[in-house]
PDB file of all heavy atoms in Angstrom:
ATOM      1  N   ILE A   1     -16.405   6.465 -10.219  1.00  0.00           N
ATOM      2  CA  ILE A   1     -16.000   6.771 -11.591  1.00  0.00           C
ATOM      3  C   ILE A   1     -17.016   6.203 -12.573  1.00  0.00           C
ATOM      4  O   ILE A   1     -17.434   6.878 -13.524  1.00  0.00           O
ATOM      5  CB  ILE A   1     -14.586   6.221 -11.875  1.00  0.00           C
ATOM      6  CG1 ILE A   1     -13.541   7.019 -11.099  1.00  0.00           C
ATOM      7  CG2 ILE A   1     -14.277   6.260 -13.376  1.00  0.00           C
ATOM      8  CD1 ILE A   1     -12.135   6.455 -11.203  1.00  0.00           C
ATOM      9  N   ARG A   2     -17.412   4.947 -12.346  1.00  0.00           N
ATOM     10  CA  ARG A   2     -18.385   4.324 -13.257  1.00  0.00           C
ATOM     11  C   ARG A   2     -19.704   5.087 -13.249  1.00  0.00           C
ATOM     12  O   ARG A   2     -20.296   5.341 -14.320  1.00  0.00           O
ATOM     13  CB  ARG A   2     -18.618   2.870 -12.852  1.00  0.00           C
ATOM     14  CG  ARG A   2     -19.451   2.091 -13.879  1.00  0.00           C
ATOM     15  CD  ARG A   2     -19.754   0.692 -13.404  1.00  0.00           C
ATOM     16  NE  ARG A   2     -20.676   0.678 -12.268  1.00  0.00           N
ATOM     17  CZ  ARG A   2     -21.169  -0.437 -11.718  1.00  0.00           C
ATOM     18  NH1 ARG A   2     -20.816  -1.618 -12.182  1.00  0.00           N
ATOM     19  NH2 ARG A   2     -22.005  -0.361 -10.694  1.00  0.00           N
ATOM     20  N   ALA A   3     -20.168   5.476 -12.085  1.00  0.00           N
ATOM     21  CA  ALA A   3     -21.427   6.218 -11.992  1.00  0.00           C
ATOM     22  C   ALA A   3     -21.320   7.563 -12.695  1.00  0.00           C
ATOM     23  O   ALA A   3     -22.275   8.010 -13.346  1.00  0.00           O
ATOM     24  CB  ALA A   3     -21.800   6.419 -10.527  1.00  0.00           C
ATOM     25  N   ALA A   4     -20.165   8.207 -12.582  1.00  0.00           N
ATOM     26  CA  ALA A   4     -19.967   9.484 -13.264  1.00  0.00           C
ATOM     27  C   ALA A   4     -20.053   9.303 -14.773  1.00  0.00           C
ATOM     28  O   ALA A   4     -20.737  10.073 -15.471  1.00  0.00           O
ATOM     29  CB  ALA A   4     -18.616  10.080 -12.875  1.00  0.00           C
ATOM     30  N   PHE A   5     -19.377   8.290 -15.291  1.00  0.00           N
ATOM     31  CA  PHE A   5     -19.415   8.039 -16.733  1.00  0.00           C
ATOM     32  C   PHE A   5     -20.827   7.699 -17.205  1.00  0.00           C
ATOM     33  O   PHE A   5     -21.257   8.140 -18.275  1.00  0.00           O
ATOM     34  CB  PHE A   5     -18.447   6.919 -17.106  1.00  0.00           C
ATOM     35  CG  PHE A   5     -17.062   7.409 -17.410  1.00  0.00           C
ATOM     36  CD1 PHE A   5     -16.099   7.497 -16.419  1.00  0.00           C
ATOM     37  CD2 PHE A   5     -16.726   7.805 -18.698  1.00  0.00           C
ATOM     38  CE1 PHE A   5     -14.833   7.961 -16.700  1.00  0.00           C
ATOM     39  CE2 PHE A   5     -15.456   8.269 -18.992  1.00  0.00           C
ATOM     40  CZ  PHE A   5     -14.503   8.352 -17.988  1.00  0.00           C
ATOM     41  N   ARG A   6     -21.546   6.931 -16.423  1.00  0.00           N
ATOM     42  CA  ARG A   6     -22.916   6.590 -16.808  1.00  0.00           C
ATOM     43  C   ARG A   6     -23.790   7.838 -16.861  1.00  0.00           C
ATOM     44  O   ARG A   6     -24.616   7.989 -17.770  1.00  0.00           O
ATOM     45  CB  ARG A   6     -23.493   5.569 -15.827  1.00  0.00           C
ATOM     46  CG  ARG A   6     -22.904   4.168 -15.991  1.00  0.00           C
ATOM     47  CD  ARG A   6     -23.463   3.213 -14.950  1.00  0.00           C
ATOM     48  NE  ARG A   6     -23.053   1.832 -15.234  1.00  0.00           N
ATOM     49  CZ  ARG A   6     -23.344   0.790 -14.464  1.00  0.00           C
ATOM     50  NH1 ARG A   6     -24.067   0.977 -13.358  1.00  0.00           N
ATOM     51  NH2 ARG A   6     -22.950  -0.418 -14.795  1.00  0.00           N
ATOM     52  N   GLN A   7     -23.601   8.738 -15.893  1.00  0.00           N
ATOM     53  CA  GLN A   7     -24.401   9.953 -15.883  1.00  0.00           C
ATOM     54  C   GLN A   7     -24.018  10.871 -17.039  1.00  0.00           C
ATOM     55  O   GLN A   7     -24.890  11.456 -17.689  1.00  0.00           O
ATOM     56  CB  GLN A   7     -24.249  10.684 -14.544  1.00  0.00           C
ATOM     57  CG  GLN A   7     -25.098  11.943 -14.433  1.00  0.00           C
ATOM     58  CD  GLN A   7     -26.587  11.684 -14.615  1.00  0.00           C
ATOM     59  OE1 GLN A   7     -27.095  10.627 -14.236  1.00  0.00           O
ATOM     60  NE2 GLN A   7     -27.293  12.645 -15.198  1.00  0.00           N
ATOM     61  N   PHE A   8     -22.736  11.010 -17.330  1.00  0.00           N
ATOM     62  CA  PHE A   8     -22.308  11.821 -18.471  1.00  0.00           C
ATOM     63  C   PHE A   8     -22.878  11.253 -19.773  1.00  0.00           C
ATOM     64  O   PHE A   8     -23.290  11.998 -20.666  1.00  0.00           O
ATOM     65  CB  PHE A   8     -20.793  11.898 -18.546  1.00  0.00           C
ATOM     66  CG  PHE A   8     -20.132  12.644 -17.415  1.00  0.00           C
ATOM     67  CD1 PHE A   8     -18.886  12.257 -16.941  1.00  0.00           C
ATOM     68  CD2 PHE A   8     -20.751  13.735 -16.819  1.00  0.00           C
ATOM     69  CE1 PHE A   8     -18.268  12.943 -15.906  1.00  0.00           C
ATOM     70  CE2 PHE A   8     -20.146  14.431 -15.773  1.00  0.00           C
ATOM     71  CZ  PHE A   8     -18.906  14.028 -15.317  1.00  0.00           C
ATOM     72  N   GLN A   9     -22.886   9.925 -19.864  1.00  0.00           N
ATOM     73  CA  GLN A   9     -23.439   9.283 -21.059  1.00  0.00           C
ATOM     74  C   GLN A   9     -24.930   9.587 -21.188  1.00  0.00           C
ATOM     75  O   GLN A   9     -25.426   9.893 -22.285  1.00  0.00           O
ATOM     76  CB  GLN A   9     -23.205   7.775 -20.990  1.00  0.00           C
ATOM     77  CG  GLN A   9     -23.700   7.014 -22.209  1.00  0.00           C
ATOM     78  CD  GLN A   9     -23.431   5.519 -22.077  1.00  0.00           C
ATOM     79  OE1 GLN A   9     -23.646   4.923 -21.022  1.00  0.00           O
ATOM     80  NE2 GLN A   9     -22.954   4.902 -23.145  1.00  0.00           N
ATOM     81  N   GLN A  10     -25.652   9.511 -20.083  1.00  0.00           N
ATOM     82  CA  GLN A  10     -27.088   9.777 -20.113  1.00  0.00           C
ATOM     83  C   GLN A  10     -27.357  11.230 -20.473  1.00  0.00           C
ATOM     84  O   GLN A  10     -28.321  11.542 -21.198  1.00  0.00           O
ATOM     85  CB  GLN A  10     -27.703   9.440 -18.760  1.00  0.00           C
ATOM     86  CG  GLN A  10     -29.216   9.561 -18.725  1.00  0.00           C
ATOM     87  CD  GLN A  10     -29.806   9.000 -17.438  1.00  0.00           C
ATOM     88  OE1 GLN A  10     -29.213   8.156 -16.778  1.00  0.00           O
ATOM     89  NE2 GLN A  10     -30.985   9.475 -17.070  1.00  0.00           N
ATOM     90  N   GLN A  11     -26.519  12.132 -19.972  1.00  0.00           N
ATOM     91  CA  GLN A  11     -26.678  13.557 -20.270  1.00  0.00           C
ATOM     92  C   GLN A  11     -26.187  13.908 -21.674  1.00  0.00           C
ATOM     93  O   GLN A  11     -26.492  14.981 -22.181  1.00  0.00           O
ATOM     94  CB  GLN A  11     -25.858  14.391 -19.281  1.00  0.00           C
ATOM     95  CG  GLN A  11     -26.302  14.315 -17.854  1.00  0.00           C
ATOM     96  CD  GLN A  11     -25.344  15.005 -16.891  1.00  0.00           C
ATOM     97  OE1 GLN A  11     -25.557  14.980 -15.686  1.00  0.00           O
ATOM     98  NE2 GLN A  11     -24.287  15.608 -17.376  1.00  0.00           N
ATOM     99  N   GLN A  12     -25.368  13.006 -22.249  1.00  0.00           N
ATOM    100  CA  GLN A  12     -24.694  13.249 -23.523  1.00  0.00           C
ATOM    101  C   GLN A  12     -23.802  14.483 -23.426  1.00  0.00           C
ATOM    102  O   GLN A  12     -23.813  15.376 -24.285  1.00  0.00           O
ATOM    103  CB  GLN A  12     -25.699  13.382 -24.667  1.00  0.00           C
ATOM    104  CG  GLN A  12     -26.508  12.111 -24.908  1.00  0.00           C
ATOM    105  CD  GLN A  12     -27.399  12.202 -26.134  1.00  0.00           C
ATOM    106  OE1 GLN A  12     -27.833  13.266 -26.549  1.00  0.00           O
ATOM    107  NE2 GLN A  12     -27.670  11.050 -26.738  1.00  0.00           N
ATOM    108  N   THR A  13     -23.017  14.501 -22.336  1.00  0.00           N
ATOM    109  CA  THR A  13     -22.081  15.600 -22.102  1.00  0.00           C
ATOM    110  C   THR A  13     -20.720  15.036 -21.729  1.00  0.00           C
ATOM    111  O   THR A  13     -20.576  13.855 -21.388  1.00  0.00           O
ATOM    112  CB  THR A  13     -22.545  16.507 -20.955  1.00  0.00           C
ATOM    113  OG1 THR A  13     -22.499  15.767 -19.711  1.00  0.00           O
ATOM    114  CG2 THR A  13     -23.947  17.023 -21.186  1.00  0.00           C
ATOM    115  N   GLY A  14     -19.734  15.905 -21.756  1.00  0.00           N
ATOM    116  CA  GLY A  14     -18.452  15.592 -21.149  1.00  0.00           C
ATOM    117  C   GLY A  14     -18.500  15.952 -19.672  1.00  0.00           C
ATOM    118  O   GLY A  14     -19.574  16.225 -19.110  1.00  0.00           O
ATOM    119  N   GLY A  15     -17.341  15.964 -19.049  1.00  0.00           N
ATOM    120  CA  GLY A  15     -17.279  16.304 -17.640  1.00  0.00           C
ATOM    121  C   GLY A  15     -15.864  16.164 -17.129  1.00  0.00           C
ATOM    122  O   GLY A  15     -14.930  15.887 -17.889  1.00  0.00           O
ATOM    123  N   ALA A  16     -15.708  16.367 -15.844  1.00  0.00           N
ATOM    124  CA  ALA A  16     -14.378  16.255 -15.224  1.00  0.00           C
ATOM    125  C   ALA A  16     -14.498  15.516 -13.900  1.00  0.00           C
ATOM    126  O   ALA A  16     -15.441  15.748 -13.129  1.00  0.00           O
ATOM    127  CB  ALA A  16     -13.763  17.631 -15.014  1.00  0.00           C
ATOM    128  N   ILE A  17     -13.535  14.644 -13.663  1.00  0.00           N
ATOM    129  CA  ILE A  17     -13.474  13.850 -12.433  1.00  0.00           C
ATOM    130  C   ILE A  17     -12.093  14.040 -11.825  1.00  0.00           C
ATOM    131  O   ILE A  17     -11.082  13.957 -12.535  1.00  0.00           O
ATOM    132  CB  ILE A  17     -13.696  12.352 -12.714  1.00  0.00           C
ATOM    133  CG1 ILE A  17     -15.036  12.114 -13.415  1.00  0.00           C
ATOM    134  CG2 ILE A  17     -13.604  11.537 -11.433  1.00  0.00           C
ATOM    135  CD1 ILE A  17     -15.199  10.706 -13.983  1.00  0.00           C
ATOM    136  N   THR A  18     -12.051  14.299 -10.533  1.00  0.00           N
ATOM    137  CA  THR A  18     -10.778  14.315  -9.811  1.00  0.00           C
ATOM    138  C   THR A  18     -10.885  13.354  -8.638  1.00  0.00           C
ATOM    139  O   THR A  18     -11.862  13.377  -7.884  1.00  0.00           O
ATOM    140  CB  THR A  18     -10.429  15.719  -9.296  1.00  0.00           C
ATOM    141  OG1 THR A  18     -10.268  16.597 -10.411  1.00  0.00           O
ATOM    142  CG2 THR A  18      -9.129  15.689  -8.511  1.00  0.00           C
ATOM    143  N   VAL A  19      -9.892  12.502  -8.500  1.00  0.00           N
ATOM    144  CA  VAL A  19      -9.836  11.505  -7.436  1.00  0.00           C
ATOM    145  C   VAL A  19      -8.777  11.928  -6.422  1.00  0.00           C
ATOM    146  O   VAL A  19      -7.721  12.448  -6.803  1.00  0.00           O
ATOM    147  CB  VAL A  19      -9.487  10.124  -8.018  1.00  0.00           C
ATOM    148  CG1 VAL A  19      -9.284   9.095  -6.916  1.00  0.00           C
ATOM    149  CG2 VAL A  19     -10.575   9.666  -8.985  1.00  0.00           C
ATOM    150  N   THR A  20      -9.035  11.710  -5.151  1.00  0.00           N
ATOM    151  CA  THR A  20      -8.002  11.924  -4.145  1.00  0.00           C
ATOM    152  C   THR A  20      -7.128  10.683  -4.069  1.00  0.00           C
ATOM    153  O   THR A  20      -7.556   9.623  -3.593  1.00  0.00           O
ATOM    154  CB  THR A  20      -8.604  12.221  -2.763  1.00  0.00           C
ATOM    155  OG1 THR A  20      -9.379  13.422  -2.837  1.00  0.00           O
ATOM    156  CG2 THR A  20      -7.504  12.410  -1.731  1.00  0.00           C
ATOM    157  N   ALA A  21      -5.916  10.808  -4.580  1.00  0.00           N
ATOM    158  CA  ALA A  21      -4.906   9.765  -4.436  1.00  0.00           C
ATOM    159  C   ALA A  21      -4.113  10.098  -3.170  1.00  0.00           C
ATOM    160  O   ALA A  21      -4.689  10.524  -2.170  1.00  0.00           O
ATOM    161  CB  ALA A  21      -4.031   9.712  -5.677  1.00  0.00           C
ATOM    162  N   SER A  22      -2.795   9.921  -3.207  1.00  0.00           N
ATOM    163  CA  SER A  22      -1.992  10.161  -2.008  1.00  0.00           C
ATOM    164  C   SER A  22      -0.527  10.104  -2.366  1.00  0.00           C
ATOM    165  O   SER A  22      -0.139   9.513  -3.387  1.00  0.00           O
ATOM    166  CB  SER A  22      -2.307   9.090  -0.956  1.00  0.00           C
ATOM    167  OG  SER A  22      -1.400   9.141   0.125  1.00  0.00           O
ATOM    168  N   ILE A  23       0.288  10.687  -1.512  1.00  0.00           N
ATOM    169  CA  ILE A  23       1.718  10.451  -1.621  1.00  0.00           C
ATOM    170  C   ILE A  23       2.002   8.949  -1.561  1.00  0.00           C
ATOM    171  O   ILE A  23       2.967   8.459  -2.141  1.00  0.00           O
ATOM    172  CB  ILE A  23       2.462  11.214  -0.494  1.00  0.00           C
ATOM    173  CG1 ILE A  23       3.982  11.179  -0.705  1.00  0.00           C
ATOM    174  CG2 ILE A  23       2.084  10.669   0.881  1.00  0.00           C
ATOM    175  CD1 ILE A  23       4.734  12.016   0.306  1.00  0.00           C
ATOM    176  N   ALA A  24       1.104   8.211  -0.897  1.00  0.00           N
ATOM    177  CA  ALA A  24       1.238   6.760  -0.806  1.00  0.00           C
ATOM    178  C   ALA A  24       0.929   6.067  -2.125  1.00  0.00           C
ATOM    179  O   ALA A  24       1.177   4.870  -2.259  1.00  0.00           O
ATOM    180  CB  ALA A  24       0.318   6.215   0.283  1.00  0.00           C
ATOM    181  N   SER A  25       0.397   6.797  -3.110  1.00  0.00           N
ATOM    182  CA  SER A  25       0.191   6.240  -4.444  1.00  0.00           C
ATOM    183  C   SER A  25       1.492   6.146  -5.226  1.00  0.00           C
ATOM    184  O   SER A  25       1.574   5.413  -6.218  1.00  0.00           O
ATOM    185  CB  SER A  25      -0.769   7.131  -5.242  1.00  0.00           C
ATOM    186  OG  SER A  25      -2.015   7.244  -4.629  1.00  0.00           O
ATOM    187  N   LEU A  26       2.493   6.915  -4.800  1.00  0.00           N
ATOM    188  CA  LEU A  26       3.687   7.116  -5.614  1.00  0.00           C
ATOM    189  C   LEU A  26       4.956   6.574  -4.975  1.00  0.00           C
ATOM    190  O   LEU A  26       5.978   6.446  -5.653  1.00  0.00           O
ATOM    191  CB  LEU A  26       3.867   8.622  -5.883  1.00  0.00           C
ATOM    192  CG  LEU A  26       2.644   9.333  -6.465  1.00  0.00           C
ATOM    193  CD1 LEU A  26       2.880  10.836  -6.499  1.00  0.00           C
ATOM    194  CD2 LEU A  26       2.333   8.806  -7.853  1.00  0.00           C
ATOM    195  N   THR A  27       4.907   6.289  -3.694  1.00  0.00           N
ATOM    196  CA  THR A  27       6.095   5.839  -2.965  1.00  0.00           C
ATOM    197  C   THR A  27       5.719   4.668  -2.073  1.00  0.00           C
ATOM    198  O   THR A  27       4.546   4.327  -1.924  1.00  0.00           O
ATOM    199  CB  THR A  27       6.668   6.983  -2.109  1.00  0.00           C
ATOM    200  OG1 THR A  27       5.637   7.481  -1.244  1.00  0.00           O
ATOM    201  CG2 THR A  27       7.194   8.115  -2.981  1.00  0.00           C
ATOM    202  N   GLY A  28       6.711   4.063  -1.454  1.00  0.00           N
ATOM    203  CA  GLY A  28       6.466   2.904  -0.612  1.00  0.00           C
ATOM    204  C   GLY A  28       6.856   3.140   0.833  1.00  0.00           C
ATOM    205  O   GLY A  28       7.717   3.967   1.137  1.00  0.00           O
ATOM    206  N   SER A  29       6.199   2.421   1.724  1.00  0.00           N
ATOM    207  CA  SER A  29       6.564   2.429   3.141  1.00  0.00           C
ATOM    208  C   SER A  29       6.204   1.070   3.722  1.00  0.00           C
ATOM    209  O   SER A  29       5.451   0.308   3.118  1.00  0.00           O
ATOM    210  CB  SER A  29       5.839   3.540   3.901  1.00  0.00           C
ATOM    211  OG  SER A  29       4.445   3.280   3.950  1.00  0.00           O
ATOM    212  N   ALA A  30       6.744   0.781   4.892  1.00  0.00           N
ATOM    213  CA  ALA A  30       6.505  -0.518   5.512  1.00  0.00           C
ATOM    214  C   ALA A  30       5.258  -0.527   6.389  1.00  0.00           C
ATOM    215  O   ALA A  30       4.869  -1.575   6.890  1.00  0.00           O
ATOM    216  CB  ALA A  30       7.718  -0.933   6.355  1.00  0.00           C
ATOM    217  N   ASP A  31       4.659   0.643   6.579  1.00  0.00           N
ATOM    218  CA  ASP A  31       3.436   0.690   7.383  1.00  0.00           C
ATOM    219  C   ASP A  31       2.274   1.147   6.510  1.00  0.00           C
ATOM    220  O   ASP A  31       2.449   1.533   5.360  1.00  0.00           O
ATOM    221  CB  ASP A  31       3.616   1.625   8.593  1.00  0.00           C
ATOM    222  CG  ASP A  31       4.054   3.025   8.186  1.00  0.00           C
ATOM    223  OD1 ASP A  31       4.285   3.275   6.987  1.00  0.00           O
ATOM    224  OD2 ASP A  31       4.183   3.878   9.089  1.00  0.00           O
ATOM    225  N   LEU A  32       1.074   1.060   7.063  1.00  0.00           N
ATOM    226  CA  LEU A  32      -0.150   1.414   6.327  1.00  0.00           C
ATOM    227  C   LEU A  32      -0.241   0.677   4.991  1.00  0.00           C
ATOM    228  O   LEU A  32      -0.614   1.262   3.973  1.00  0.00           O
ATOM    229  CB  LEU A  32      -0.213   2.923   6.094  1.00  0.00           C
ATOM    230  CG  LEU A  32      -0.628   3.783   7.285  1.00  0.00           C
ATOM    231  CD1 LEU A  32      -0.639   5.257   6.893  1.00  0.00           C
ATOM    232  CD2 LEU A  32      -1.989   3.378   7.820  1.00  0.00           C
ATOM    233  N   LEU A  33       0.107  -0.600   4.993  1.00  0.00           N
ATOM    234  CA  LEU A  33       0.177  -1.353   3.740  1.00  0.00           C
ATOM    235  C   LEU A  33      -1.172  -1.444   3.008  1.00  0.00           C
ATOM    236  O   LEU A  33      -1.207  -1.264   1.780  1.00  0.00           O
ATOM    237  CB  LEU A  33       0.741  -2.750   3.995  1.00  0.00           C
ATOM    238  CG  LEU A  33       1.016  -3.578   2.744  1.00  0.00           C
ATOM    239  CD1 LEU A  33       2.082  -2.898   1.873  1.00  0.00           C
ATOM    240  CD2 LEU A  33       1.457  -4.980   3.113  1.00  0.00           C
ATOM    241  N   PRO A  34      -2.298  -1.713   3.679  1.00  0.00           N
ATOM    242  CA  PRO A  34      -3.565  -1.737   2.937  1.00  0.00           C
ATOM    243  C   PRO A  34      -3.873  -0.391   2.283  1.00  0.00           C
ATOM    244  O   PRO A  34      -4.293  -0.336   1.124  1.00  0.00           O
ATOM    245  CB  PRO A  34      -4.602  -2.098   4.010  1.00  0.00           C
ATOM    246  CG  PRO A  34      -3.815  -2.818   5.058  1.00  0.00           C
ATOM    247  CD  PRO A  34      -2.485  -2.140   5.084  1.00  0.00           C
ATOM    248  N   TYR A  35      -3.659   0.698   3.017  1.00  0.00           N
ATOM    249  CA  TYR A  35      -3.906   2.038   2.477  1.00  0.00           C
ATOM    250  C   TYR A  35      -3.002   2.308   1.279  1.00  0.00           C
ATOM    251  O   TYR A  35      -3.455   2.762   0.226  1.00  0.00           O
ATOM    252  CB  TYR A  35      -3.659   3.071   3.575  1.00  0.00           C
ATOM    253  CG  TYR A  35      -3.838   4.507   3.139  1.00  0.00           C
ATOM    254  CD1 TYR A  35      -5.101   5.080   3.069  1.00  0.00           C
ATOM    255  CD2 TYR A  35      -2.733   5.303   2.823  1.00  0.00           C
ATOM    256  CE1 TYR A  35      -5.275   6.404   2.681  1.00  0.00           C
ATOM    257  CE2 TYR A  35      -2.895   6.619   2.435  1.00  0.00           C
ATOM    258  CZ  TYR A  35      -4.170   7.166   2.369  1.00  0.00           C
ATOM    259  OH  TYR A  35      -4.319   8.479   1.978  1.00  0.00           O
ATOM    260  N   GLN A  36      -1.716   2.010   1.437  1.00  0.00           N
ATOM    261  CA  GLN A  36      -0.766   2.231   0.357  1.00  0.00           C
ATOM    262  C   GLN A  36      -1.146   1.439  -0.893  1.00  0.00           C
ATOM    263  O   GLN A  36      -1.128   1.962  -2.016  1.00  0.00           O
ATOM    264  CB  GLN A  36       0.638   1.829   0.820  1.00  0.00           C
ATOM    265  CG  GLN A  36       1.702   1.956  -0.230  1.00  0.00           C
ATOM    266  CD  GLN A  36       3.055   1.554   0.316  1.00  0.00           C
ATOM    267  OE1 GLN A  36       4.025   2.255   0.130  1.00  0.00           O
ATOM    268  NE2 GLN A  36       3.135   0.425   1.014  1.00  0.00           N
ATOM    269  N   THR A  37      -1.500   0.186  -0.711  1.00  0.00           N
ATOM    270  CA  THR A  37      -1.902  -0.658  -1.842  1.00  0.00           C
ATOM    271  C   THR A  37      -3.131  -0.088  -2.531  1.00  0.00           C
ATOM    272  O   THR A  37      -3.203  -0.025  -3.767  1.00  0.00           O
ATOM    273  CB  THR A  37      -2.193  -2.084  -1.351  1.00  0.00           C
ATOM    274  OG1 THR A  37      -1.032  -2.600  -0.681  1.00  0.00           O
ATOM    275  CG2 THR A  37      -2.546  -3.002  -2.511  1.00  0.00           C
ATOM    276  N   SER A  38      -4.090   0.364  -1.742  1.00  0.00           N
ATOM    277  CA  SER A  38      -5.323   0.910  -2.320  1.00  0.00           C
ATOM    278  C   SER A  38      -5.039   2.178  -3.108  1.00  0.00           C
ATOM    279  O   SER A  38      -5.642   2.399  -4.173  1.00  0.00           O
ATOM    280  CB  SER A  38      -6.350   1.193  -1.219  1.00  0.00           C
ATOM    281  OG  SER A  38      -6.002   2.318  -0.430  1.00  0.00           O
ATOM    282  N   LYS A  39      -4.142   3.013  -2.620  1.00  0.00           N
ATOM    283  CA  LYS A  39      -3.866   4.273  -3.300  1.00  0.00           C
ATOM    284  C   LYS A  39      -3.029   4.054  -4.570  1.00  0.00           C
ATOM    285  O   LYS A  39      -3.124   4.846  -5.518  1.00  0.00           O
ATOM    286  CB  LYS A  39      -3.189   5.252  -2.348  1.00  0.00           C
ATOM    287  CG  LYS A  39      -4.123   5.768  -1.249  1.00  0.00           C
ATOM    288  CD  LYS A  39      -5.341   6.495  -1.821  1.00  0.00           C
ATOM    289  CE  LYS A  39      -6.222   7.097  -0.754  1.00  0.00           C
ATOM    290  NZ  LYS A  39      -7.371   7.851  -1.306  1.00  0.00           N
ATOM    291  N   HIS A  40      -2.215   3.012  -4.603  1.00  0.00           N
ATOM    292  CA  HIS A  40      -1.571   2.638  -5.870  1.00  0.00           C
ATOM    293  C   HIS A  40      -2.637   2.197  -6.876  1.00  0.00           C
ATOM    294  O   HIS A  40      -2.580   2.562  -8.057  1.00  0.00           O
ATOM    295  CB  HIS A  40      -0.569   1.501  -5.646  1.00  0.00           C
ATOM    296  CG  HIS A  40       0.797   1.960  -5.252  1.00  0.00           C
ATOM    297  ND1 HIS A  40       1.074   2.553  -4.044  1.00  0.00           N
ATOM    298  CD2 HIS A  40       1.981   1.902  -5.918  1.00  0.00           C
ATOM    299  CE1 HIS A  40       2.366   2.839  -3.973  1.00  0.00           C
ATOM    300  NE2 HIS A  40       2.937   2.457  -5.110  1.00  0.00           N
TER     301      HIS A  40
END
């Protein structure tokens, strides 16, 4: 994200960024805890 913003700034343009989150970003489970935490 930071690199994208720096490049847009250098170009003096806008742009669009999409990140792959996860169902694990929005809900909880007792397994895959590091992954779930990262996606939150």
